[in-house]
Amino acid sequence: MNINLKILCNIIIQLGAFLAGAILAETNFRTQIEADIRPFRGLLLGLFFLTTGTSIDMQVNMIIIYKCVAWFFVFLNMVVMII
């Protein structure tokens, strides 16, 4: 449960940052924000992908992938048995 909560909180924080940027992009201050951020655009983009990529827990993802593959073969076997 603790791992799921940690993953959920990381996703919520990153989603909140994305939504804040999307909301600010729709305001009247859009041009001013773009002008202020333009020199740091590449740096901020790289930082975003770096932090998002390093926050991924590969052990949890591998467990999920193995479960999905297992269920795929179960359903595939059921379809073959029905046909």
N, C-alpha and C. Protein backbone atom coordinates (compact mmCIF):
# COMPACT_ATOMS: atom_id res chain seq x y z
N MET A 1 0.83 -1.19 0.00
CA MET A 1 0.00 0.00 0.00
C MET A 1 0.87 1.25 0.00
N ASN A 2 1.96 1.22 0.72
CA ASN A 2 2.83 2.38 0.81
C ASN A 2 3.45 2.72 -0.55
N ILE A 3 3.83 1.70 -1.31
CA ILE A 3 4.43 1.93 -2.63
C ILE A 3 3.39 2.54 -3.57
N ASN A 4 2.17 2.01 -3.53
CA ASN A 4 1.12 2.55 -4.40
C ASN A 4 0.82 4.01 -4.07
N LEU A 5 0.83 4.35 -2.78
CA LEU A 5 0.57 5.72 -2.38
C LEU A 5 1.69 6.64 -2.85
N LYS A 6 2.93 6.16 -2.76
CA LYS A 6 4.07 6.95 -3.22
C LYS A 6 3.98 7.20 -4.72
N ILE A 7 3.66 6.17 -5.47
CA ILE A 7 3.53 6.31 -6.92
C ILE A 7 2.39 7.27 -7.25
N LEU A 8 1.28 7.13 -6.55
CA LEU A 8 0.13 7.99 -6.79
C LEU A 8 0.47 9.44 -6.48
N CYS A 9 1.19 9.69 -5.38
CA CYS A 9 1.56 11.06 -5.03
C CYS A 9 2.50 11.66 -6.06
N ASN A 10 3.47 10.88 -6.56
CA ASN A 10 4.35 11.39 -7.60
C ASN A 10 3.57 11.74 -8.85
N ILE A 11 2.63 10.89 -9.22
CA ILE A 11 1.83 11.16 -10.41
C ILE A 11 0.97 12.40 -10.19
N ILE A 12 0.42 12.56 -8.99
CA ILE A 12 -0.42 13.71 -8.71
C ILE A 12 0.40 15.00 -8.77
N ILE A 13 1.61 15.00 -8.21
CA ILE A 13 2.45 16.19 -8.23
C ILE A 13 2.81 16.55 -9.67
N GLN A 14 3.21 15.59 -10.47
CA GLN A 14 3.59 15.87 -11.84
C GLN A 14 2.39 16.30 -12.67
N LEU A 15 1.25 15.67 -12.44
CA LEU A 15 0.04 16.06 -13.15
C LEU A 15 -0.38 17.47 -12.76
N GLY A 16 -0.24 17.81 -11.49
CA GLY A 16 -0.57 19.16 -11.03
C GLY A 16 0.32 20.20 -11.68
N ALA A 17 1.61 19.91 -11.80
CA ALA A 17 2.52 20.85 -12.46
C ALA A 17 2.15 21.01 -13.93
N PHE A 18 1.81 19.91 -14.58
CA PHE A 18 1.40 19.98 -15.98
C PHE A 18 0.13 20.80 -16.15
N LEU A 19 -0.86 20.55 -15.29
CA LEU A 19 -2.12 21.29 -15.38
C LEU A 19 -1.93 22.77 -15.08
N ALA A 20 -1.06 23.10 -14.12
CA ALA A 20 -0.79 24.51 -13.82
C ALA A 20 -0.20 25.20 -15.04
N GLY A 21 0.72 24.53 -15.73
CA GLY A 21 1.29 25.10 -16.94
C GLY A 21 0.26 25.26 -18.04
N ALA A 22 -0.61 24.27 -18.17
CA ALA A 22 -1.66 24.35 -19.20
C ALA A 22 -2.64 25.48 -18.90
N ILE A 23 -2.97 25.66 -17.63
CA ILE A 23 -3.90 26.73 -17.26
C ILE A 23 -3.25 28.09 -17.47
N LEU A 24 -1.97 28.23 -17.08
CA LEU A 24 -1.28 29.51 -17.28
C LEU A 24 -1.12 29.83 -18.76
N ALA A 25 -1.02 28.80 -19.60
CA ALA A 25 -0.86 29.03 -21.03
C ALA A 25 -2.13 29.62 -21.66
N GLU A 26 -3.25 29.47 -20.98
CA GLU A 26 -4.52 29.97 -21.52
C GLU A 26 -4.89 31.35 -20.98
N THR A 27 -4.04 31.95 -20.14
CA THR A 27 -4.37 33.24 -19.56
C THR A 27 -3.88 34.38 -20.45
N ASN A 28 -4.21 35.59 -20.05
CA ASN A 28 -3.77 36.78 -20.78
C ASN A 28 -2.27 37.03 -20.62
N PHE A 29 -1.66 36.41 -19.63
CA PHE A 29 -0.24 36.60 -19.36
C PHE A 29 0.64 35.63 -20.14
N ARG A 30 0.07 34.96 -21.12
CA ARG A 30 0.79 33.93 -21.86
C ARG A 30 2.06 34.47 -22.52
N THR A 31 1.97 35.59 -23.18
CA THR A 31 3.15 36.14 -23.86
C THR A 31 4.23 36.53 -22.88
N GLN A 32 3.86 37.09 -21.74
CA GLN A 32 4.84 37.47 -20.73
C GLN A 32 5.52 36.22 -20.14
N ILE A 33 4.74 35.18 -19.89
CA ILE A 33 5.29 33.94 -19.36
C ILE A 33 6.24 33.31 -20.38
N GLU A 34 5.85 33.29 -21.64
CA GLU A 34 6.71 32.73 -22.68
C GLU A 34 8.02 33.51 -22.79
N ALA A 35 7.95 34.82 -22.69
CA ALA A 35 9.16 35.64 -22.78
C ALA A 35 10.08 35.40 -21.59
N ASP A 36 9.50 35.22 -20.41
CA ASP A 36 10.31 34.98 -19.21
C ASP A 36 10.97 33.60 -19.22
N ILE A 37 10.27 32.61 -19.76
CA ILE A 37 10.75 31.23 -19.71
C ILE A 37 11.63 30.88 -20.91
N ARG A 38 11.54 31.62 -22.00
CA ARG A 38 12.24 31.28 -23.24
C ARG A 38 13.74 30.96 -23.06
N PRO A 39 14.51 31.73 -22.28
CA PRO A 39 15.94 31.38 -22.13
C PRO A 39 16.17 30.05 -21.42
N PHE A 40 15.21 29.63 -20.60
CA PHE A 40 15.38 28.41 -19.80
C PHE A 40 14.56 27.23 -20.33
N ARG A 41 13.98 27.40 -21.50
CA ARG A 41 13.05 26.41 -22.03
C ARG A 41 13.67 25.02 -22.16
N GLY A 42 14.83 24.91 -22.79
CA GLY A 42 15.49 23.62 -22.97
C GLY A 42 15.90 23.00 -21.65
N LEU A 43 16.41 23.83 -20.75
CA LEU A 43 16.83 23.35 -19.44
C LEU A 43 15.65 22.81 -18.65
N LEU A 44 14.55 23.54 -18.65
CA LEU A 44 13.36 23.10 -17.91
C LEU A 44 12.75 21.85 -18.52
N LEU A 45 12.75 21.76 -19.83
CA LEU A 45 12.22 20.57 -20.49
C LEU A 45 13.05 19.34 -20.15
N GLY A 46 14.38 19.50 -20.21
CA GLY A 46 15.26 18.39 -19.85
C GLY A 46 15.10 18.00 -18.39
N LEU A 47 14.97 18.99 -17.51
CA LEU A 47 14.78 18.71 -16.09
C LEU A 47 13.47 17.97 -15.84
N PHE A 48 12.42 18.36 -16.55
CA PHE A 48 11.13 17.68 -16.41
C PHE A 48 11.23 16.21 -16.78
N PHE A 49 11.82 15.92 -17.95
CA PHE A 49 11.91 14.53 -18.38
C PHE A 49 12.88 13.73 -17.52
N LEU A 50 13.93 14.36 -17.04
CA LEU A 50 14.87 13.67 -16.16
C LEU A 50 14.20 13.28 -14.84
N THR A 51 13.50 14.20 -14.22
CA THR A 51 12.84 13.89 -12.94
C THR A 51 11.69 12.91 -13.12
N THR A 52 10.97 13.03 -14.22
CA THR A 52 9.88 12.08 -14.47
C THR A 52 10.43 10.68 -14.73
N GLY A 53 11.49 10.60 -15.50
CA GLY A 53 12.09 9.30 -15.82
C GLY A 53 12.72 8.63 -14.62
N THR A 54 13.36 9.40 -13.76
CA THR A 54 14.01 8.79 -12.60
C THR A 54 13.02 8.45 -11.50
N SER A 55 11.83 8.98 -11.55
CA SER A 55 10.84 8.67 -10.51
C SER A 55 10.08 7.37 -10.81
N ILE A 56 10.33 6.78 -11.98
CA ILE A 56 9.66 5.55 -12.35
C ILE A 56 10.31 4.38 -11.60
N ASP A 57 9.50 3.60 -10.91
CA ASP A 57 10.00 2.42 -10.20
C ASP A 57 9.89 1.22 -11.14
N MET A 58 11.01 0.79 -11.68
CA MET A 58 11.00 -0.26 -12.69
C MET A 58 10.55 -1.61 -12.14
N GLN A 59 10.80 -1.88 -10.85
CA GLN A 59 10.36 -3.15 -10.27
C GLN A 59 8.84 -3.25 -10.29
N VAL A 60 8.18 -2.16 -9.93
CA VAL A 60 6.71 -2.15 -9.94
C VAL A 60 6.21 -2.28 -11.37
N ASN A 61 6.84 -1.56 -12.30
CA ASN A 61 6.42 -1.64 -13.70
C ASN A 61 6.61 -3.04 -14.27
N MET A 62 7.70 -3.71 -13.92
CA MET A 62 7.93 -5.06 -14.43
C MET A 62 6.87 -6.02 -13.91
N ILE A 63 6.47 -5.87 -12.65
CA ILE A 63 5.42 -6.72 -12.09
C ILE A 63 4.11 -6.50 -12.87
N ILE A 64 3.80 -5.25 -13.15
CA ILE A 64 2.58 -4.94 -13.89
C ILE A 64 2.66 -5.50 -15.31
N ILE A 65 3.81 -5.37 -15.95
CA ILE A 65 3.98 -5.90 -17.30
C ILE A 65 3.84 -7.41 -17.32
N TYR A 66 4.46 -8.09 -16.34
CA TYR A 66 4.34 -9.55 -16.27
C TYR A 66 2.88 -9.97 -16.08
N LYS A 67 2.15 -9.25 -15.26
CA LYS A 67 0.73 -9.58 -15.05
C LYS A 67 -0.07 -9.38 -16.33
N CYS A 68 0.20 -8.30 -17.04
CA CYS A 68 -0.51 -8.04 -18.30
C CYS A 68 -0.21 -9.11 -19.34
N VAL A 69 1.04 -9.50 -19.43
CA VAL A 69 1.42 -10.55 -20.39
C VAL A 69 0.76 -11.87 -20.00
N ALA A 70 0.75 -12.17 -18.71
CA ALA A 70 0.12 -13.41 -18.24
C ALA A 70 -1.36 -13.42 -18.57
N TRP A 71 -2.06 -12.30 -18.30
CA TRP A 71 -3.49 -12.23 -18.62
C TRP A 71 -3.72 -12.31 -20.13
N PHE A 72 -2.84 -11.73 -20.92
CA PHE A 72 -2.97 -11.82 -22.36
C PHE A 72 -2.94 -13.27 -22.81
N PHE A 73 -1.99 -14.05 -22.27
CA PHE A 73 -1.90 -15.46 -22.67
C PHE A 73 -3.08 -16.28 -22.13
N VAL A 74 -3.61 -15.89 -20.98
CA VAL A 74 -4.81 -16.57 -20.47
C VAL A 74 -5.98 -16.33 -21.42
N PHE A 75 -6.20 -15.07 -21.80
CA PHE A 75 -7.30 -14.77 -22.72
C PHE A 75 -7.07 -15.37 -24.10
N LEU A 76 -5.83 -15.36 -24.57
CA LEU A 76 -5.52 -15.98 -25.84
C LEU A 76 -5.81 -17.47 -25.80
N ASN A 77 -5.46 -18.13 -24.73
CA ASN A 77 -5.75 -19.55 -24.56
C ASN A 77 -7.25 -19.81 -24.54
N MET A 78 -8.00 -18.93 -23.87
CA MET A 78 -9.46 -19.09 -23.83
C MET A 78 -10.07 -18.94 -25.22
N VAL A 79 -9.57 -17.98 -26.01
CA VAL A 79 -10.08 -17.77 -27.36
C VAL A 79 -9.77 -18.98 -28.22
N VAL A 80 -8.57 -19.53 -28.10
CA VAL A 80 -8.19 -20.70 -28.88
C VAL A 80 -9.06 -21.89 -28.48
N MET A 81 -9.35 -22.03 -27.20
CA MET A 81 -10.19 -23.14 -26.74
C MET A 81 -11.62 -23.01 -27.25
N ILE A 82 -12.11 -21.77 -27.34
CA ILE A 82 -13.48 -21.56 -27.82
C ILE A 82 -13.58 -21.84 -29.31
N ILE A 83 -12.58 -21.42 -30.05
CA ILE A 83 -12.59 -21.63 -31.51
C ILE A 83 -12.30 -23.07 -31.77
